[in-house]
């Protein structure tokens, strides 16, 4: 199988947000795969992650996954966690790999089967602000607020442009400062408008965030129904400003972090499947 990822970058396996869009596969689900100085990480491998890896052309080889990162235990983020763990460990014949996940994804509703857990070389439980090291870099978690589960945003620092993921969450005061040094921010943007009882980010939250931070590129993903019905690309264009290009992620979209670092935000730093 041929690897499609740049040395430093990511591919969106799927961009569906909310359980209903995932159930109906209005868009694909499955999270993201990142390459960081050649280290391959599956991030939030929800339902369909394995199928999406194998159906991309060229493919992302699931046998080359080096680690898995889980922001929280909800099934739309963890549905394929075990099958990717199987791939990462060669069906258990090649023990190894790195896993980082919230403690309640082990203690309350385990998302990793016991027989696979024994075959993982490194298992880390996220602690707010405590880095998890990996070869040539580290990932720092930020505790978010999302419907009673442990949920974390992640910031990646190393031999690549600094970038981060804002997972499912209400908008909390800590977000802008934590992600202020990122060149690229991936934000789970599920709501077209704010809904008080729902702890997901909205388009107005993205407006607020961009008043406080200025990444070169902000990518909206995990999109909800009303956003999908309202032309996500137009919404993203309306959020863009002279400091930050905003894009609505598409299934199969590839982001090259090094290209972003080299170029102005001119729309030529990504490509779609």
C-alpha atoms as a PDB file:
ATOM      1  CA  UNK A   1       0.000   0.000   0.000  1.00  0.00           C
ATOM      2  CA  UNK A   2       1.143   3.520  -0.769  1.00  0.00           C
ATOM      3  CA  UNK A   3       1.187   6.209   1.894  1.00  0.00           C
ATOM      4  CA  UNK A   4      -0.443   9.490   0.808  1.00  0.00           C
ATOM      5  CA  UNK A   5       0.520  11.636   3.767  1.00  0.00           C
ATOM      6  CA  UNK A   6       3.155  14.373   3.623  1.00  0.00           C
ATOM      7  CA  UNK A   7       6.026  14.131   6.091  1.00  0.00           C
ATOM      8  CA  UNK A   8       4.210  16.657   8.282  1.00  0.00           C
ATOM      9  CA  UNK A   9       0.494  16.875   7.729  1.00  0.00           C
ATOM     10  CA  UNK A  10      -2.823  15.113   8.006  1.00  0.00           C
ATOM     11  CA  UNK A  11      -5.707  13.618   6.073  1.00  0.00           C
ATOM     12  CA  UNK A  12      -9.344  13.908   7.096  1.00  0.00           C
ATOM     13  CA  UNK A  13     -10.828  10.424   6.917  1.00  0.00           C
ATOM     14  CA  UNK A  14     -14.252  11.858   7.621  1.00  0.00           C
ATOM     15  CA  UNK A  15     -15.821  15.158   8.587  1.00  0.00           C
ATOM     16  CA  UNK A  16     -19.302  14.158   9.800  1.00  0.00           C
ATOM     17  CA  UNK A  17     -20.433  15.665  13.085  1.00  0.00           C
ATOM     18  CA  UNK A  18     -23.255  14.600  15.407  1.00  0.00           C
ATOM     19  CA  UNK A  19     -24.443  11.042  15.874  1.00  0.00           C
ATOM     20  CA  UNK A  20     -27.151  11.418  13.215  1.00  0.00           C
ATOM     21  CA  UNK A  21     -24.781  12.408  10.415  1.00  0.00           C
ATOM     22  CA  UNK A  22     -22.481   9.565  11.459  1.00  0.00           C
ATOM     23  CA  UNK A  23     -25.305   7.011  11.618  1.00  0.00           C
ATOM     24  CA  UNK A  24     -26.617   8.039   8.202  1.00  0.00           C
ATOM     25  CA  UNK A  25     -23.136   8.638   6.751  1.00  0.00           C
ATOM     26  CA  UNK A  26     -24.208  11.946   5.281  1.00  0.00           C
ATOM     27  CA  UNK A  27     -20.466  12.442   5.237  1.00  0.00           C
ATOM     28  CA  UNK A  28     -17.834   9.894   6.122  1.00  0.00           C
ATOM     29  CA  UNK A  29     -16.693   9.532   9.722  1.00  0.00           C
ATOM     30  CA  UNK A  30     -13.449   8.143  11.079  1.00  0.00           C
ATOM     31  CA  UNK A  31     -11.458  11.108  12.362  1.00  0.00           C
ATOM     32  CA  UNK A  32      -8.003  11.982  11.071  1.00  0.00           C
ATOM     33  CA  UNK A  33      -4.589  10.495  10.424  1.00  0.00           C
ATOM     34  CA  UNK A  34      -1.570  12.718  11.055  1.00  0.00           C
ATOM     35  CA  UNK A  35       2.033  12.333  10.001  1.00  0.00           C
ATOM     36  CA  UNK A  36       4.475  14.137  12.301  1.00  0.00           C
ATOM     37  CA  UNK A  37       8.045  13.852  11.094  1.00  0.00           C
ATOM     38  CA  UNK A  38       7.042  10.476   9.691  1.00  0.00           C
ATOM     39  CA  UNK A  39       5.275   9.216  12.839  1.00  0.00           C
ATOM     40  CA  UNK A  40       1.760   8.110  11.810  1.00  0.00           C
ATOM     41  CA  UNK A  41      -1.031   8.762  14.317  1.00  0.00           C
ATOM     42  CA  UNK A  42      -4.720   7.870  14.071  1.00  0.00           C
ATOM     43  CA  UNK A  43      -6.729  10.543  15.895  1.00  0.00           C
ATOM     44  CA  UNK A  44     -10.298   9.841  17.056  1.00  0.00           C
ATOM     45  CA  UNK A  45     -10.735   6.750  14.839  1.00  0.00           C
ATOM     46  CA  UNK A  46     -14.527   6.671  14.799  1.00  0.00           C
ATOM     47  CA  UNK A  47     -16.823   4.449  12.720  1.00  0.00           C
ATOM     48  CA  UNK A  48     -15.384   3.739   9.287  1.00  0.00           C
ATOM     49  CA  UNK A  49     -11.792   4.763  10.009  1.00  0.00           C
ATOM     50  CA  UNK A  50     -10.324   1.493   8.754  1.00  0.00           C
ATOM     51  CA  UNK A  51     -12.501   1.407   5.634  1.00  0.00           C
ATOM     52  CA  UNK A  52     -11.642   5.025   4.839  1.00  0.00           C
ATOM     53  CA  UNK A  53      -7.902   4.363   5.205  1.00  0.00           C
ATOM     54  CA  UNK A  54      -8.153   1.487   2.746  1.00  0.00           C
ATOM     55  CA  UNK A  55     -10.495   3.211   0.284  1.00  0.00           C
ATOM     56  CA  UNK A  56      -8.510   6.425  -0.176  1.00  0.00           C
ATOM     57  CA  UNK A  57      -6.507   6.491  -3.409  1.00  0.00           C
ATOM     58  CA  UNK A  58      -3.683   6.060  -2.783  1.00  0.00           C
ATOM     59  CA  UNK A  59      -4.365   4.516   0.600  1.00  0.00           C
ATOM     60  CA  UNK A  60      -3.261   5.251   4.136  1.00  0.00           C
ATOM     61  CA  UNK A  61      -1.763   1.923   5.177  1.00  0.00           C
ATOM     62  CA  UNK A  62      -3.342   0.934   8.531  1.00  0.00           C
ATOM     63  CA  UNK A  63      -0.403  -1.412   9.138  1.00  0.00           C
ATOM     64  CA  UNK A  64       1.856   1.639   9.384  1.00  0.00           C
ATOM     65  CA  UNK A  65      -0.019   3.334  12.222  1.00  0.00           C
ATOM     66  CA  UNK A  66       2.405   4.095  15.071  1.00  0.00           C
ATOM     67  CA  UNK A  67      -0.051   5.456  17.627  1.00  0.00           C
ATOM     68  CA  UNK A  68      -3.643   6.354  18.426  1.00  0.00           C
ATOM     69  CA  UNK A  69      -4.924   9.457  20.212  1.00  0.00           C
ATOM     70  CA  UNK A  70      -8.452   9.704  21.580  1.00  0.00           C
ATOM     71  CA  UNK A  71      -9.928  13.038  22.665  1.00  0.00           C
ATOM     72  CA  UNK A  72     -12.958  11.435  24.357  1.00  0.00           C
ATOM     73  CA  UNK A  73     -14.829   8.169  24.559  1.00  0.00           C
ATOM     74  CA  UNK A  74     -17.994   8.936  22.555  1.00  0.00           C
ATOM     75  CA  UNK A  75     -18.624   6.316  19.897  1.00  0.00           C
ATOM     76  CA  UNK A  76     -18.383   8.710  16.940  1.00  0.00           C
ATOM     77  CA  UNK A  77     -14.748   9.241  17.983  1.00  0.00           C
ATOM     78  CA  UNK A  78     -13.845   5.728  19.166  1.00  0.00           C
ATOM     79  CA  UNK A  79     -15.898   3.264  17.110  1.00  0.00           C
ATOM     80  CA  UNK A  80     -12.909   1.835  15.205  1.00  0.00           C
ATOM     81  CA  UNK A  81     -10.412   2.156  18.048  1.00  0.00           C
ATOM     82  CA  UNK A  82      -9.919  -1.585  18.493  1.00  0.00           C
ATOM     83  CA  UNK A  83      -9.647  -2.510  14.846  1.00  0.00           C
ATOM     84  CA  UNK A  84      -6.993   0.187  14.347  1.00  0.00           C
ATOM     85  CA  UNK A  85      -5.205  -1.192  17.419  1.00  0.00           C
ATOM     86  CA  UNK A  86      -5.263  -4.597  15.686  1.00  0.00           C
ATOM     87  CA  UNK A  87      -3.669  -3.060  12.612  1.00  0.00           C
ATOM     88  CA  UNK A  88      -1.091  -1.146  14.660  1.00  0.00           C
ATOM     89  CA  UNK A  89       0.053  -4.336  16.392  1.00  0.00           C
ATOM     90  CA  UNK A  90      -0.016  -6.576  13.329  1.00  0.00           C
ATOM     91  CA  UNK A  91      -2.997  -8.504  14.614  1.00  0.00           C
ATOM     92  CA  UNK A  92      -1.194  -8.932  17.922  1.00  0.00           C
ATOM     93  CA  UNK A  93       1.892 -10.438  16.299  1.00  0.00           C
ATOM     94  CA  UNK A  94       3.838  -7.186  16.486  1.00  0.00           C
ATOM     95  CA  UNK A  95       3.279  -5.700  19.964  1.00  0.00           C
ATOM     96  CA  UNK A  96       4.076  -2.017  20.169  1.00  0.00           C
ATOM     97  CA  UNK A  97       2.596   1.357  19.448  1.00  0.00           C
ATOM     98  CA  UNK A  98       1.462   4.288  21.540  1.00  0.00           C
ATOM     99  CA  UNK A  99      -2.021   5.043  22.848  1.00  0.00           C
ATOM    100  CA  UNK A 100      -3.133   8.179  24.717  1.00  0.00           C
ATOM    101  CA  UNK A 101      -6.707   8.554  25.921  1.00  0.00           C
ATOM    102  CA  UNK A 102      -8.828   9.896  28.794  1.00  0.00           C
ATOM    103  CA  UNK A 103      -8.912   7.910  32.020  1.00  0.00           C
ATOM    104  CA  UNK A 104     -12.673   7.338  31.779  1.00  0.00           C
ATOM    105  CA  UNK A 105     -12.128   5.609  28.424  1.00  0.00           C
ATOM    106  CA  UNK A 106     -10.335   2.931  30.453  1.00  0.00           C
ATOM    107  CA  UNK A 107     -12.132   2.984  33.810  1.00  0.00           C
ATOM    108  CA  UNK A 108     -15.804   3.753  33.041  1.00  0.00           C
ATOM    109  CA  UNK A 109     -16.582   2.667  29.502  1.00  0.00           C
ATOM    110  CA  UNK A 110     -13.463   0.935  28.206  1.00  0.00           C
ATOM    111  CA  UNK A 111     -12.955   1.589  24.520  1.00  0.00           C
ATOM    112  CA  UNK A 112      -9.843  -0.627  24.246  1.00  0.00           C
ATOM    113  CA  UNK A 113     -10.284  -4.386  24.510  1.00  0.00           C
ATOM    114  CA  UNK A 114      -8.204  -6.087  27.205  1.00  0.00           C
ATOM    115  CA  UNK A 115      -6.373  -8.456  24.881  1.00  0.00           C
ATOM    116  CA  UNK A 116      -5.262  -5.505  22.755  1.00  0.00           C
ATOM    117  CA  UNK A 117      -4.362  -3.377  25.767  1.00  0.00           C
ATOM    118  CA  UNK A 118      -1.754  -5.994  26.720  1.00  0.00           C
ATOM    119  CA  UNK A 119      -0.116  -5.625  23.315  1.00  0.00           C
ATOM    120  CA  UNK A 120       0.289  -1.836  23.333  1.00  0.00           C
ATOM    121  CA  UNK A 121       3.800  -0.700  24.253  1.00  0.00           C
ATOM    122  CA  UNK A 122       2.826   2.702  25.738  1.00  0.00           C
ATOM    123  CA  UNK A 123      -0.521   3.713  27.202  1.00  0.00           C
ATOM    124  CA  UNK A 124      -0.870   7.275  28.505  1.00  0.00           C
ATOM    125  CA  UNK A 125      -3.840   8.797  30.295  1.00  0.00           C
ATOM    126  CA  UNK A 126      -4.330  12.468  29.503  1.00  0.00           C
ATOM    127  CA  UNK A 127      -3.728  14.938  32.334  1.00  0.00           C
ATOM    128  CA  UNK A 128      -4.530  18.592  31.783  1.00  0.00           C
ATOM    129  CA  UNK A 129      -1.359  20.392  30.649  1.00  0.00           C
ATOM    130  CA  UNK A 130       0.919  17.338  31.006  1.00  0.00           C
ATOM    131  CA  UNK A 131       2.807  16.563  27.769  1.00  0.00           C
ATOM    132  CA  UNK A 132       2.859  13.096  26.267  1.00  0.00           C
ATOM    133  CA  UNK A 133       6.180  12.606  24.455  1.00  0.00           C
ATOM    134  CA  UNK A 134       6.678  10.849  21.149  1.00  0.00           C
ATOM    135  CA  UNK A 135       9.764  10.666  18.891  1.00  0.00           C
ATOM    136  CA  UNK A 136      10.816  14.211  17.962  1.00  0.00           C
ATOM    137  CA  UNK A 137       7.830  15.878  19.574  1.00  0.00           C
ATOM    138  CA  UNK A 138       5.101  15.976  22.177  1.00  0.00           C
ATOM    139  CA  UNK A 139       1.358  16.468  22.465  1.00  0.00           C
ATOM    140  CA  UNK A 140      -0.103  18.606  25.237  1.00  0.00           C
ATOM    141  CA  UNK A 141      -3.729  18.098  26.330  1.00  0.00           C
ATOM    142  CA  UNK A 142      -6.190  20.781  27.424  1.00  0.00           C
ATOM    143  CA  UNK A 143      -9.225  19.658  29.436  1.00  0.00           C
ATOM    144  CA  UNK A 144     -12.398  20.742  27.664  1.00  0.00           C
ATOM    145  CA  UNK A 145     -16.079  20.623  28.691  1.00  0.00           C
ATOM    146  CA  UNK A 146     -18.311  18.194  26.854  1.00  0.00           C
ATOM    147  CA  UNK A 147     -21.435  16.602  28.300  1.00  0.00           C
ATOM    148  CA  UNK A 148     -19.927  14.962  31.367  1.00  0.00           C
ATOM    149  CA  UNK A 149     -17.113  12.964  29.758  1.00  0.00           C
ATOM    150  CA  UNK A 150     -13.398  13.618  29.923  1.00  0.00           C
ATOM    151  CA  UNK A 151     -12.568  15.438  26.717  1.00  0.00           C
ATOM    152  CA  UNK A 152      -9.320  17.069  25.636  1.00  0.00           C
ATOM    153  CA  UNK A 153      -8.021  19.466  23.048  1.00  0.00           C
ATOM    154  CA  UNK A 154      -4.556  18.606  21.792  1.00  0.00           C
ATOM    155  CA  UNK A 155      -1.556  20.730  20.796  1.00  0.00           C
ATOM    156  CA  UNK A 156       1.360  19.206  18.876  1.00  0.00           C
ATOM    157  CA  UNK A 157       4.871  20.614  19.234  1.00  0.00           C
ATOM    158  CA  UNK A 158       8.008  19.294  17.546  1.00  0.00           C
ATOM    159  CA  UNK A 159       9.982  19.307  14.288  1.00  0.00           C
ATOM    160  CA  UNK A 160       6.946  20.639  12.417  1.00  0.00           C
ATOM    161  CA  UNK A 161       4.721  23.704  12.578  1.00  0.00           C
ATOM    162  CA  UNK A 162       2.825  23.849  15.865  1.00  0.00           C
ATOM    163  CA  UNK A 163      -0.788  22.804  15.393  1.00  0.00           C
ATOM    164  CA  UNK A 164      -3.769  21.825  17.470  1.00  0.00           C
ATOM    165  CA  UNK A 165      -7.163  20.138  17.619  1.00  0.00           C
ATOM    166  CA  UNK A 166     -10.148  21.601  19.460  1.00  0.00           C
ATOM    167  CA  UNK A 167     -12.387  18.613  20.034  1.00  0.00           C
ATOM    168  CA  UNK A 168     -16.062  18.607  21.028  1.00  0.00           C
ATOM    169  CA  UNK A 169     -16.600  21.241  23.718  1.00  0.00           C
ATOM    170  CA  UNK A 170     -18.420  24.266  24.937  1.00  0.00           C
ATOM    171  CA  UNK A 171     -16.430  27.439  24.326  1.00  0.00           C
ATOM    172  CA  UNK A 172     -14.277  27.848  27.441  1.00  0.00           C
ATOM    173  CA  UNK A 173     -11.969  30.707  28.399  1.00  0.00           C
ATOM    174  CA  UNK A 174      -8.820  28.570  28.248  1.00  0.00           C
ATOM    175  CA  UNK A 175      -9.090  27.775  24.540  1.00  0.00           C
ATOM    176  CA  UNK A 176      -7.672  30.965  22.954  1.00  0.00           C
ATOM    177  CA  UNK A 177      -4.560  31.154  25.122  1.00  0.00           C
ATOM    178  CA  UNK A 178      -3.784  27.454  24.758  1.00  0.00           C
ATOM    179  CA  UNK A 179      -3.950  27.503  20.949  1.00  0.00           C
ATOM    180  CA  UNK A 180      -2.542  31.019  20.420  1.00  0.00           C
ATOM    181  CA  UNK A 181       0.844  29.765  19.152  1.00  0.00           C
ATOM    182  CA  UNK A 182      -0.567  27.323  16.598  1.00  0.00           C
ATOM    183  CA  UNK A 183      -0.003  27.763  12.862  1.00  0.00           C
ATOM    184  CA  UNK A 184      -2.916  25.416  12.155  1.00  0.00           C
ATOM    185  CA  UNK A 185      -6.025  24.817  14.255  1.00  0.00           C
ATOM    186  CA  UNK A 186      -8.505  22.033  13.539  1.00  0.00           C
ATOM    187  CA  UNK A 187     -11.795  22.883  15.255  1.00  0.00           C
ATOM    188  CA  UNK A 188     -14.802  20.608  15.645  1.00  0.00           C
ATOM    189  CA  UNK A 189     -17.488  23.070  14.544  1.00  0.00           C
ATOM    190  CA  UNK A 190     -20.833  21.345  14.830  1.00  0.00           C
ATOM    191  CA  UNK A 191     -23.430  24.098  15.235  1.00  0.00           C
ATOM    192  CA  UNK A 192     -24.457  26.803  12.795  1.00  0.00           C
ATOM    193  CA  UNK A 193     -25.692  28.880  15.736  1.00  0.00           C
ATOM    194  CA  UNK A 194     -25.055  28.600  19.462  1.00  0.00           C
ATOM    195  CA  UNK A 195     -27.421  26.356  21.416  1.00  0.00           C
ATOM    196  CA  UNK A 196     -27.056  26.888  25.153  1.00  0.00           C
ATOM    197  CA  UNK A 197     -27.612  23.344  26.329  1.00  0.00           C
ATOM    198  CA  UNK A 198     -25.378  21.736  23.700  1.00  0.00           C
ATOM    199  CA  UNK A 199     -21.659  21.665  24.492  1.00  0.00           C
ATOM    200  CA  UNK A 200     -20.377  21.892  20.928  1.00  0.00           C
ATOM    201  CA  UNK A 201     -18.646  24.740  19.133  1.00  0.00           C
ATOM    202  CA  UNK A 202     -20.598  26.919  16.724  1.00  0.00           C
ATOM    203  CA  UNK A 203     -19.853  29.254  13.833  1.00  0.00           C
ATOM    204  CA  UNK A 204     -20.204  32.291  16.177  1.00  0.00           C
ATOM    205  CA  UNK A 205     -17.637  30.596  18.437  1.00  0.00           C
ATOM    206  CA  UNK A 206     -15.236  30.502  15.492  1.00  0.00           C
ATOM    207  CA  UNK A 207     -15.803  34.236  14.976  1.00  0.00           C
ATOM    208  CA  UNK A 208     -15.022  34.826  18.640  1.00  0.00           C
ATOM    209  CA  UNK A 209     -11.942  32.607  18.523  1.00  0.00           C
ATOM    210  CA  UNK A 210     -10.526  34.449  15.500  1.00  0.00           C
ATOM    211  CA  UNK A 211     -10.855  37.737  17.341  1.00  0.00           C
ATOM    212  CA  UNK A 212      -8.383  36.351  19.888  1.00  0.00           C
ATOM    213  CA  UNK A 213      -5.960  34.150  17.924  1.00  0.00           C
ATOM    214  CA  UNK A 214      -4.530  34.268  14.392  1.00  0.00           C
ATOM    215  CA  UNK A 215      -3.421  30.884  13.072  1.00  0.00           C
ATOM    216  CA  UNK A 216      -2.411  30.786   9.441  1.00  0.00           C
ATOM    217  CA  UNK A 217      -5.098  28.199   8.801  1.00  0.00           C
ATOM    218  CA  UNK A 218      -8.235  27.181  10.687  1.00  0.00           C
ATOM    219  CA  UNK A 219     -10.048  24.059   9.535  1.00  0.00           C
ATOM    220  CA  UNK A 220     -13.651  23.390  10.527  1.00  0.00           C
ATOM    221  CA  UNK A 221     -14.580  19.713  10.791  1.00  0.00           C
ATOM    222  CA  UNK A 222     -17.077  17.469  12.629  1.00  0.00           C
ATOM    223  CA  UNK A 223     -19.794  19.429  10.869  1.00  0.00           C
ATOM    224  CA  UNK A 224     -23.426  19.323  11.946  1.00  0.00           C
ATOM    225  CA  UNK A 225     -26.549  19.107   9.810  1.00  0.00           C
ATOM    226  CA  UNK A 226     -27.375  22.804   9.566  1.00  0.00           C
ATOM    227  CA  UNK A 227     -23.817  23.677   8.547  1.00  0.00           C
ATOM    228  CA  UNK A 228     -23.881  20.976   5.870  1.00  0.00           C
ATOM    229  CA  UNK A 229     -27.172  22.396   4.588  1.00  0.00           C
ATOM    230  CA  UNK A 230     -25.803  25.953   4.505  1.00  0.00           C
ATOM    231  CA  UNK A 231     -22.735  25.604   2.235  1.00  0.00           C
ATOM    232  CA  UNK A 232     -19.768  24.970   4.586  1.00  0.00           C
ATOM    233  CA  UNK A 233     -17.298  26.474   2.106  1.00  0.00           C
ATOM    234  CA  UNK A 234     -19.190  29.780   2.025  1.00  0.00           C
ATOM    235  CA  UNK A 235     -19.364  29.846   5.821  1.00  0.00           C
ATOM    236  CA  UNK A 236     -15.608  29.284   5.977  1.00  0.00           C
ATOM    237  CA  UNK A 237     -14.924  32.009   3.418  1.00  0.00           C
ATOM    238  CA  UNK A 238     -17.028  34.424   5.453  1.00  0.00           C
ATOM    239  CA  UNK A 239     -14.944  33.696   8.547  1.00  0.00           C
ATOM    240  CA  UNK A 240     -11.592  34.206   6.805  1.00  0.00           C
ATOM    241  CA  UNK A 241      -9.666  37.428   7.358  1.00  0.00           C
ATOM    242  CA  UNK A 242      -6.329  38.946   6.380  1.00  0.00           C
ATOM    243  CA  UNK A 243      -4.536  36.948   9.101  1.00  0.00           C
ATOM    244  CA  UNK A 244      -6.271  33.566   8.911  1.00  0.00           C
ATOM    245  CA  UNK A 245      -7.636  31.467   6.089  1.00  0.00           C
ATOM    246  CA  UNK A 246     -10.603  29.376   7.198  1.00  0.00           C
ATOM    247  CA  UNK A 247     -11.506  26.226   5.304  1.00  0.00           C
ATOM    248  CA  UNK A 248     -14.284  23.720   5.730  1.00  0.00           C
ATOM    249  CA  UNK A 249     -12.642  20.307   5.750  1.00  0.00           C
ATOM    250  CA  UNK A 250     -13.782  17.749   3.191  1.00  0.00           C
ATOM    251  CA  UNK A 251     -13.601  13.980   3.380  1.00  0.00           C
ATOM    252  CA  UNK A 252     -10.186  12.996   2.055  1.00  0.00           C
ATOM    253  CA  UNK A 253      -8.703  16.500   2.311  1.00  0.00           C
ATOM    254  CA  UNK A 254      -4.933  16.483   2.819  1.00  0.00           C
ATOM    255  CA  UNK A 255      -3.123  19.240   4.703  1.00  0.00           C
ATOM    256  CA  UNK A 256       0.642  19.759   4.363  1.00  0.00           C
ATOM    257  CA  UNK A 257       1.901  21.650   7.405  1.00  0.00           C
ATOM    258  CA  UNK A 258       5.272  22.452   5.842  1.00  0.00           C
ATOM    259  CA  UNK A 259       3.596  24.028   2.808  1.00  0.00           C
ATOM    260  CA  UNK A 260       1.506  26.167   5.132  1.00  0.00           C
ATOM    261  CA  UNK A 261       4.646  27.300   6.913  1.00  0.00           C
ATOM    262  CA  UNK A 262       6.292  28.227   3.594  1.00  0.00           C
ATOM    263  CA  UNK A 263       3.433  29.927   1.812  1.00  0.00           C
ATOM    264  CA  UNK A 264       0.947  32.651   2.400  1.00  0.00           C
ATOM    265  CA  UNK A 265      -2.580  31.381   3.025  1.00  0.00           C
ATOM    266  CA  UNK A 266      -3.543  31.351  -0.647  1.00  0.00           C
ATOM    267  CA  UNK A 267      -5.731  28.255  -0.775  1.00  0.00           C
ATOM    268  CA  UNK A 268      -2.953  26.125  -2.278  1.00  0.00           C
ATOM    269  CA  UNK A 269      -1.836  24.370   0.907  1.00  0.00           C
ATOM    270  CA  UNK A 270      -4.282  21.494   0.686  1.00  0.00           C
ATOM    271  CA  UNK A 271      -5.818  19.141  -1.790  1.00  0.00           C
ATOM    272  CA  UNK A 272      -8.979  17.060  -1.816  1.00  0.00           C
ATOM    273  CA  UNK A 273      -9.411  13.381  -2.550  1.00  0.00           C
END
